[in-house]
């Protein structure tokens, strides 16, 4: 909450700067993916009873893929 208030207050002072453009990018990313963005392509563990390896594979969800593509474009333009 404090961070959010600082962004709103600072936005008035830093209007038109690189910070404002980055904040706009972040806001757009949260609009595209309004949830926690944690994903694992593959998870695995040894089953406690059978002692056999167990693995799960999952493709990245579409909303997260969209945010990643936007980030790649942003980073490419910023030479990050």
Protein backbone atom coordinates (compact mmCIF):
# COMPACT_ATOMS: atom_id res chain seq x y z
CA UNK A 1 0.00 0.00 0.00
CA UNK A 2 2.81 2.42 0.85
CA UNK A 3 4.60 1.61 -2.42
CA UNK A 4 1.38 2.23 -4.35
CA UNK A 5 0.91 5.65 -2.69
CA UNK A 6 4.52 6.59 -3.46
CA UNK A 7 4.04 5.69 -7.12
CA UNK A 8 0.92 7.84 -7.32
CA UNK A 9 2.58 10.78 -5.58
CA UNK A 10 5.83 10.45 -7.55
CA UNK A 11 3.95 10.12 -10.81
CA UNK A 12 2.93 13.77 -10.59
CA UNK A 13 6.53 14.85 -10.15
CA UNK A 14 8.02 12.48 -12.74
CA UNK A 15 5.37 12.84 -15.44
CA UNK A 16 6.84 12.19 -18.89
CA UNK A 17 10.02 10.54 -17.59
CA UNK A 18 11.32 7.04 -18.12
CA UNK A 19 9.85 6.09 -14.74
CA UNK A 20 6.35 7.05 -15.92
CA UNK A 21 6.73 4.91 -19.04
CA UNK A 22 7.97 1.94 -16.96
CA UNK A 23 5.07 2.38 -14.53
CA UNK A 24 2.66 2.40 -17.47
CA UNK A 25 4.28 -0.82 -18.75
CA UNK A 26 3.91 -2.48 -15.31
CA UNK A 27 0.29 -1.34 -14.99
CA UNK A 28 -0.46 -2.80 -18.43
CA UNK A 29 1.22 -6.08 -17.45
CA UNK A 30 -1.00 -6.35 -14.37
CA UNK A 31 -4.04 -5.64 -16.54
CA UNK A 32 -3.05 -8.55 -18.81
CA UNK A 33 -2.27 -10.90 -15.91
CA UNK A 34 -4.06 -9.73 -12.73
CA UNK A 35 -2.80 -12.55 -10.50
CA UNK A 36 0.38 -14.03 -9.09
CA UNK A 37 2.65 -14.91 -11.97
CA UNK A 38 4.51 -17.99 -10.82
CA UNK A 39 4.95 -20.86 -13.26
CA UNK A 40 7.11 -23.95 -13.51
CA UNK A 41 7.47 -25.74 -16.83
CA UNK A 42 8.34 -28.98 -15.04
CA UNK A 43 7.97 -30.08 -11.44
CA UNK A 44 9.22 -33.34 -10.08
CA UNK A 45 9.78 -35.22 -6.87
CA UNK A 46 10.32 -38.71 -5.53
CA UNK A 47 7.04 -40.22 -4.36
CA UNK A 48 7.31 -40.81 -0.59
CA UNK A 49 5.73 -44.30 -0.63
CA UNK A 50 6.73 -45.79 -3.98
CA UNK A 51 10.11 -44.01 -4.18
CA UNK A 52 9.41 -43.57 -7.91
CA UNK A 53 10.11 -40.25 -9.65
CA UNK A 54 6.95 -38.25 -10.37
CA UNK A 55 7.01 -35.37 -12.88
CA UNK A 56 4.45 -32.89 -14.12
CA UNK A 57 4.80 -30.76 -17.25
CA UNK A 58 2.75 -27.68 -18.02
CA UNK A 59 2.82 -25.04 -20.74
CA UNK A 60 2.88 -21.40 -19.70
CA UNK A 61 -0.64 -19.94 -19.43
CA UNK A 62 -1.66 -17.56 -22.24
CA UNK A 63 -1.87 -14.48 -20.00
CA UNK A 64 1.66 -15.04 -18.72
CA UNK A 65 2.96 -15.67 -22.24
CA UNK A 66 1.45 -12.35 -23.30
CA UNK A 67 3.19 -10.51 -20.47
CA UNK A 68 6.50 -12.21 -21.32
CA UNK A 69 6.20 -11.14 -24.97
CA UNK A 70 5.47 -7.56 -23.89
CA UNK A 71 8.50 -7.64 -21.55
CA UNK A 72 10.76 -8.93 -24.33
CA UNK A 73 9.62 -6.05 -26.55
CA UNK A 74 10.11 -3.51 -23.76
CA UNK A 75 13.55 -4.89 -22.89
CA UNK A 76 14.60 -4.95 -26.55
CA UNK A 77 13.70 -1.26 -26.92
CA UNK A 78 15.44 -0.33 -23.66
CA UNK A 79 18.57 -2.43 -24.34
CA UNK A 80 18.13 -4.28 -21.05
